[in-house]
């Protein structure tokens, strides 16, 4: 399994937990603590799946998604948040989430067309 995942969350504990969990499952995982770092990482190297906190503060999720679509239109997105997303999103996981739910959701998204 060489699938690449890029994760952005401004909560270090969540970022670390997601990263460790997915690395143990064989994914290549990179992380960013903010939207700017996330965009730089995405520009540096493509990813198969982008996991992103909806509420990053410095950039709206809509602006971030628009920027992502410019850089990596083929990337799949999984949104995570402590609240309900304001926009209609295809893949969403509400915090706090169960690690097994995260693993299953990631696999399902990566296996989808």
N, C-alpha and C. Protein backbone atom coordinates (compact mmCIF):
# COMPACT_ATOMS: atom_id res chain seq x y z
N UNK A 1 0.85 -1.18 0.00
CA UNK A 1 0.00 0.00 0.00
C UNK A 1 0.90 1.24 0.00
N UNK A 2 0.86 2.00 -1.06
CA UNK A 2 1.66 3.21 -1.16
C UNK A 2 0.79 4.45 -1.26
N UNK A 3 -0.44 4.35 -0.80
CA UNK A 3 -1.34 5.48 -0.91
C UNK A 3 -0.88 6.61 0.02
N UNK A 4 -0.94 7.84 -0.53
CA UNK A 4 -0.46 9.01 0.19
C UNK A 4 -1.63 9.81 0.75
N UNK A 5 -1.48 10.18 2.01
CA UNK A 5 -2.52 10.95 2.69
C UNK A 5 -1.88 12.20 3.29
N UNK A 6 -2.54 13.33 3.10
CA UNK A 6 -2.10 14.58 3.68
C UNK A 6 -3.18 15.05 4.64
N UNK A 7 -2.77 15.35 5.88
CA UNK A 7 -3.72 15.72 6.93
C UNK A 7 -3.42 17.12 7.44
N UNK A 8 -4.47 17.92 7.60
CA UNK A 8 -4.31 19.24 8.22
C UNK A 8 -5.31 19.37 9.36
N UNK A 9 -4.78 19.76 10.52
CA UNK A 9 -5.61 20.03 11.70
C UNK A 9 -4.79 20.92 12.61
N UNK A 10 -5.43 21.90 13.22
CA UNK A 10 -4.70 22.80 14.10
C UNK A 10 -4.58 22.27 15.53
N UNK A 11 -5.11 21.08 15.78
CA UNK A 11 -4.98 20.44 17.09
C UNK A 11 -3.89 19.36 17.00
N UNK A 12 -2.72 19.61 17.62
CA UNK A 12 -1.60 18.67 17.52
C UNK A 12 -1.94 17.23 17.92
N UNK A 13 -2.75 17.05 18.96
CA UNK A 13 -3.10 15.70 19.40
C UNK A 13 -3.88 14.95 18.31
N UNK A 14 -4.82 15.62 17.68
CA UNK A 14 -5.61 14.99 16.61
C UNK A 14 -4.71 14.69 15.42
N UNK A 15 -3.87 15.63 15.05
CA UNK A 15 -2.94 15.45 13.93
C UNK A 15 -2.04 14.24 14.17
N UNK A 16 -1.50 14.14 15.37
CA UNK A 16 -0.61 13.04 15.72
C UNK A 16 -1.35 11.70 15.75
N UNK A 17 -2.54 11.69 16.30
CA UNK A 17 -3.33 10.45 16.40
C UNK A 17 -3.69 9.93 15.01
N UNK A 18 -4.17 10.81 14.15
CA UNK A 18 -4.53 10.40 12.78
C UNK A 18 -3.29 9.88 12.06
N UNK A 19 -2.20 10.61 12.15
CA UNK A 19 -0.96 10.23 11.47
C UNK A 19 -0.48 8.86 11.92
N UNK A 20 -0.35 8.66 13.22
CA UNK A 20 0.14 7.37 13.74
C UNK A 20 -0.78 6.22 13.34
N UNK A 21 -2.06 6.44 13.44
CA UNK A 21 -3.04 5.40 13.11
C UNK A 21 -2.91 4.96 11.65
N UNK A 22 -2.82 5.92 10.76
CA UNK A 22 -2.78 5.59 9.33
C UNK A 22 -1.42 5.07 8.90
N UNK A 23 -0.35 5.55 9.51
CA UNK A 23 0.99 5.01 9.22
C UNK A 23 1.04 3.53 9.60
N UNK A 24 0.45 3.19 10.75
CA UNK A 24 0.42 1.78 11.18
C UNK A 24 -0.32 0.90 10.19
N UNK A 25 -1.25 1.49 9.45
CA UNK A 25 -2.01 0.74 8.45
C UNK A 25 -1.30 0.70 7.10
N UNK A 26 -0.13 1.33 7.01
CA UNK A 26 0.67 1.23 5.79
C UNK A 26 0.57 2.41 4.85
N UNK A 27 -0.16 3.44 5.23
CA UNK A 27 -0.26 4.62 4.38
C UNK A 27 0.96 5.50 4.56
N UNK A 28 1.29 6.26 3.52
CA UNK A 28 2.34 7.28 3.62
C UNK A 28 1.62 8.57 4.02
N UNK A 29 1.90 9.07 5.22
CA UNK A 29 1.16 10.20 5.77
C UNK A 29 2.07 11.40 5.99
N UNK A 30 1.59 12.56 5.53
CA UNK A 30 2.24 13.83 5.83
C UNK A 30 1.21 14.70 6.54
N UNK A 31 1.70 15.62 7.37
CA UNK A 31 0.78 16.46 8.14
C UNK A 31 1.16 17.94 8.02
N UNK A 32 0.17 18.77 8.32
CA UNK A 32 0.39 20.22 8.37
C UNK A 32 -0.50 20.78 9.48
N UNK A 33 0.02 21.75 10.25
CA UNK A 33 -0.75 22.31 11.36
C UNK A 33 -1.66 23.48 10.96
N UNK A 34 -1.56 23.91 9.70
CA UNK A 34 -2.39 25.04 9.27
C UNK A 34 -2.59 24.99 7.75
N UNK A 35 -3.48 25.86 7.27
CA UNK A 35 -3.83 25.86 5.85
C UNK A 35 -2.64 26.18 4.95
N UNK A 36 -1.81 27.13 5.36
CA UNK A 36 -0.65 27.49 4.53
C UNK A 36 0.31 26.32 4.38
N UNK A 37 0.60 25.64 5.48
CA UNK A 37 1.48 24.48 5.42
C UNK A 37 0.88 23.35 4.60
N UNK A 38 -0.42 23.21 4.70
CA UNK A 38 -1.15 22.19 3.95
C UNK A 38 -1.01 22.43 2.45
N UNK A 39 -1.22 23.68 2.02
CA UNK A 39 -1.10 24.03 0.61
C UNK A 39 0.34 23.80 0.13
N UNK A 40 1.31 24.20 0.92
CA UNK A 40 2.72 24.00 0.54
C UNK A 40 3.04 22.52 0.38
N UNK A 41 2.56 21.70 1.31
CA UNK A 41 2.79 20.25 1.22
C UNK A 41 2.13 19.68 -0.03
N UNK A 42 0.94 20.12 -0.33
CA UNK A 42 0.20 19.62 -1.50
C UNK A 42 0.90 20.04 -2.79
N UNK A 43 1.43 21.24 -2.82
CA UNK A 43 2.17 21.71 -3.99
C UNK A 43 3.47 20.94 -4.16
N UNK A 44 4.08 20.55 -3.05
CA UNK A 44 5.34 19.82 -3.07
C UNK A 44 5.16 18.39 -3.58
N UNK A 45 4.10 17.73 -3.13
CA UNK A 45 3.86 16.34 -3.52
C UNK A 45 2.37 16.03 -3.46
N UNK A 46 1.87 15.38 -4.49
CA UNK A 46 0.45 15.02 -4.56
C UNK A 46 0.08 14.03 -3.45
N UNK A 47 -1.21 13.94 -3.19
CA UNK A 47 -1.73 12.98 -2.22
C UNK A 47 -3.00 12.36 -2.78
N UNK A 48 -3.26 11.11 -2.40
CA UNK A 48 -4.47 10.42 -2.85
C UNK A 48 -5.70 10.86 -2.07
N UNK A 49 -5.46 11.19 -0.79
CA UNK A 49 -6.55 11.60 0.09
C UNK A 49 -6.09 12.77 0.94
N UNK A 50 -6.97 13.76 1.06
CA UNK A 50 -6.70 14.91 1.91
C UNK A 50 -7.70 14.88 3.06
N UNK A 51 -7.19 14.85 4.28
CA UNK A 51 -8.05 14.88 5.46
C UNK A 51 -7.89 16.26 6.07
N UNK A 52 -8.99 16.99 6.18
CA UNK A 52 -8.86 18.36 6.65
C UNK A 52 -9.93 18.77 7.63
N UNK A 53 -9.47 19.46 8.66
CA UNK A 53 -10.38 20.08 9.63
C UNK A 53 -11.10 21.21 8.91
N UNK A 54 -12.38 21.30 9.10
CA UNK A 54 -13.16 22.34 8.43
C UNK A 54 -12.86 23.71 9.03
N UNK A 55 -12.59 23.76 10.33
CA UNK A 55 -12.39 25.04 11.01
C UNK A 55 -10.92 25.28 11.33
N UNK A 56 -10.21 25.84 10.37
CA UNK A 56 -8.79 26.11 10.57
C UNK A 56 -8.52 27.55 11.00
N UNK A 57 -9.51 28.39 10.92
CA UNK A 57 -9.35 29.75 11.40
C UNK A 57 -8.85 30.74 10.36
N UNK A 58 -7.63 30.56 9.87
CA UNK A 58 -7.03 31.57 9.00
C UNK A 58 -7.55 31.56 7.57
N UNK A 59 -8.22 30.51 7.15
CA UNK A 59 -8.75 30.44 5.79
C UNK A 59 -10.07 29.68 5.84
N UNK A 60 -11.07 30.17 5.15
CA UNK A 60 -12.35 29.46 5.13
C UNK A 60 -12.20 28.12 4.43
N UNK A 61 -13.01 27.18 4.83
CA UNK A 61 -12.92 25.85 4.22
C UNK A 61 -13.24 25.92 2.73
N UNK A 62 -14.15 26.81 2.33
CA UNK A 62 -14.49 26.96 0.91
C UNK A 62 -13.28 27.48 0.13
N UNK A 63 -12.58 28.47 0.66
CA UNK A 63 -11.38 29.00 0.00
C UNK A 63 -10.31 27.93 -0.11
N UNK A 64 -10.16 27.16 0.95
CA UNK A 64 -9.15 26.10 0.96
C UNK A 64 -9.50 25.03 -0.08
N UNK A 65 -10.75 24.64 -0.14
CA UNK A 65 -11.17 23.63 -1.13
C UNK A 65 -10.96 24.15 -2.55
N UNK A 66 -11.29 25.41 -2.77
CA UNK A 66 -11.08 25.99 -4.11
C UNK A 66 -9.59 25.93 -4.48
N UNK A 67 -8.74 26.25 -3.54
CA UNK A 67 -7.29 26.22 -3.79
C UNK A 67 -6.82 24.77 -4.04
N UNK A 68 -7.33 23.84 -3.26
CA UNK A 68 -6.99 22.42 -3.42
C UNK A 68 -7.37 21.95 -4.82
N UNK A 69 -8.56 22.33 -5.27
CA UNK A 69 -9.03 21.90 -6.59
C UNK A 69 -8.16 22.46 -7.72
N UNK A 70 -7.54 23.61 -7.50
CA UNK A 70 -6.61 24.17 -8.49
C UNK A 70 -5.33 23.34 -8.55
N UNK A 71 -4.85 22.93 -7.39
CA UNK A 71 -3.57 22.21 -7.30
C UNK A 71 -3.74 20.72 -7.60
N UNK A 72 -4.75 20.11 -7.01
CA UNK A 72 -4.93 18.65 -7.11
C UNK A 72 -6.39 18.30 -7.33
N UNK A 73 -6.89 18.51 -8.54
CA UNK A 73 -8.32 18.27 -8.79
C UNK A 73 -8.76 16.83 -8.58
N UNK A 74 -7.83 15.90 -8.68
CA UNK A 74 -8.18 14.48 -8.55
C UNK A 74 -8.16 13.97 -7.11
N UNK A 75 -7.66 14.77 -6.18
CA UNK A 75 -7.54 14.31 -4.79
C UNK A 75 -8.92 14.14 -4.15
N UNK A 76 -9.05 13.11 -3.33
CA UNK A 76 -10.28 12.86 -2.59
C UNK A 76 -10.18 13.58 -1.25
N UNK A 77 -11.32 14.04 -0.73
CA UNK A 77 -11.35 14.82 0.49
C UNK A 77 -12.17 14.16 1.58
N UNK A 78 -11.65 14.19 2.80
CA UNK A 78 -12.40 13.79 3.99
C UNK A 78 -12.33 14.96 4.95
N UNK A 79 -13.49 15.51 5.29
CA UNK A 79 -13.56 16.63 6.22
C UNK A 79 -13.80 16.10 7.63
N UNK A 80 -13.13 16.73 8.60
CA UNK A 80 -13.35 16.38 10.01
C UNK A 80 -13.66 17.68 10.75
N UNK A 81 -14.54 17.59 11.76
CA UNK A 81 -14.89 18.78 12.52
C UNK A 81 -15.66 18.38 13.76
N UNK A 82 -15.61 19.28 14.74
CA UNK A 82 -16.36 19.07 15.97
C UNK A 82 -17.82 19.43 15.82
N UNK A 83 -18.18 20.05 14.72
CA UNK A 83 -19.57 20.44 14.47
C UNK A 83 -20.01 20.00 13.10
N UNK A 84 -21.23 20.28 12.80
CA UNK A 84 -21.79 19.93 11.50
C UNK A 84 -21.22 20.85 10.43
N UNK A 85 -20.85 20.30 9.27
CA UNK A 85 -20.30 21.15 8.21
C UNK A 85 -21.36 22.12 7.69
N UNK A 86 -20.91 23.35 7.36
CA UNK A 86 -21.84 24.36 6.85
C UNK A 86 -22.24 24.08 5.42
N UNK A 87 -21.35 23.45 4.68
CA UNK A 87 -21.63 23.13 3.28
C UNK A 87 -21.93 21.64 3.15
N UNK A 88 -22.52 21.28 2.05
CA UNK A 88 -22.80 19.87 1.77
C UNK A 88 -21.50 19.21 1.32
N UNK A 89 -20.98 18.31 2.14
CA UNK A 89 -19.74 17.63 1.81
C UNK A 89 -20.01 16.13 1.66
N UNK A 90 -19.26 15.52 0.77
CA UNK A 90 -19.48 14.11 0.48
C UNK A 90 -18.99 13.20 1.60
N UNK A 91 -17.78 13.48 2.12
CA UNK A 91 -17.19 12.63 3.15
C UNK A 91 -16.89 13.45 4.38
N UNK A 92 -17.49 13.06 5.51
CA UNK A 92 -17.36 13.83 6.74
C UNK A 92 -17.28 12.88 7.94
N UNK A 93 -16.44 13.25 8.90
CA UNK A 93 -16.31 12.49 10.15
C UNK A 93 -16.34 13.50 11.29
N UNK A 94 -17.29 13.32 12.20
CA UNK A 94 -17.44 14.27 13.30
C UNK A 94 -16.51 13.92 14.45
N UNK A 95 -15.83 14.95 14.98
CA UNK A 95 -14.97 14.79 16.16
C UNK A 95 -15.85 14.78 17.40
N UNK A 96 -15.52 14.05 18.43
CA UNK A 96 -14.46 13.04 18.44
C UNK A 96 -14.93 11.80 17.69
N UNK A 97 -14.02 11.18 16.96
CA UNK A 97 -14.38 10.00 16.20
C UNK A 97 -13.60 8.80 16.72
N UNK A 98 -14.15 7.64 16.45
CA UNK A 98 -13.50 6.38 16.81
C UNK A 98 -12.42 6.09 15.76
N UNK A 99 -11.27 5.64 16.22
CA UNK A 99 -10.15 5.36 15.31
C UNK A 99 -10.54 4.33 14.25
N UNK A 100 -11.30 3.33 14.65
CA UNK A 100 -11.73 2.32 13.68
C UNK A 100 -12.63 2.93 12.61
N UNK A 101 -13.49 3.87 13.01
CA UNK A 101 -14.34 4.58 12.04
C UNK A 101 -13.49 5.35 11.05
N UNK A 102 -12.42 5.97 11.54
CA UNK A 102 -11.50 6.70 10.66
C UNK A 102 -10.86 5.75 9.66
N UNK A 103 -10.34 4.63 10.14
CA UNK A 103 -9.69 3.67 9.24
C UNK A 103 -10.65 3.17 8.16
N UNK A 104 -11.87 2.82 8.57
CA UNK A 104 -12.86 2.31 7.61
C UNK A 104 -13.25 3.38 6.59
N UNK A 105 -13.45 4.60 7.06
CA UNK A 105 -13.83 5.70 6.17
C UNK A 105 -12.72 5.98 5.16
N UNK A 106 -11.47 6.02 5.62
CA UNK A 106 -10.33 6.26 4.73
C UNK A 106 -10.27 5.18 3.65
N UNK A 107 -10.39 3.94 4.05
CA UNK A 107 -10.31 2.84 3.09
C UNK A 107 -11.45 2.93 2.08
N UNK A 108 -12.65 3.22 2.56
CA UNK A 108 -13.83 3.32 1.70
C UNK A 108 -13.66 4.45 0.68
N UNK A 109 -13.15 5.58 1.13
CA UNK A 109 -12.95 6.71 0.22
C UNK A 109 -11.88 6.38 -0.82
N UNK A 110 -10.78 5.81 -0.38
CA UNK A 110 -9.70 5.47 -1.32
C UNK A 110 -10.13 4.42 -2.33
N UNK A 111 -11.02 3.52 -1.92
CA UNK A 111 -11.49 2.48 -2.84
C UNK A 111 -12.57 2.97 -3.79
N UNK A 112 -13.17 4.12 -3.51
CA UNK A 112 -14.25 4.64 -4.35
C UNK A 112 -13.67 5.25 -5.63
N UNK A 113 -14.48 5.31 -6.63
CA UNK A 113 -14.05 5.89 -7.93
C UNK A 113 -14.10 7.38 -7.91
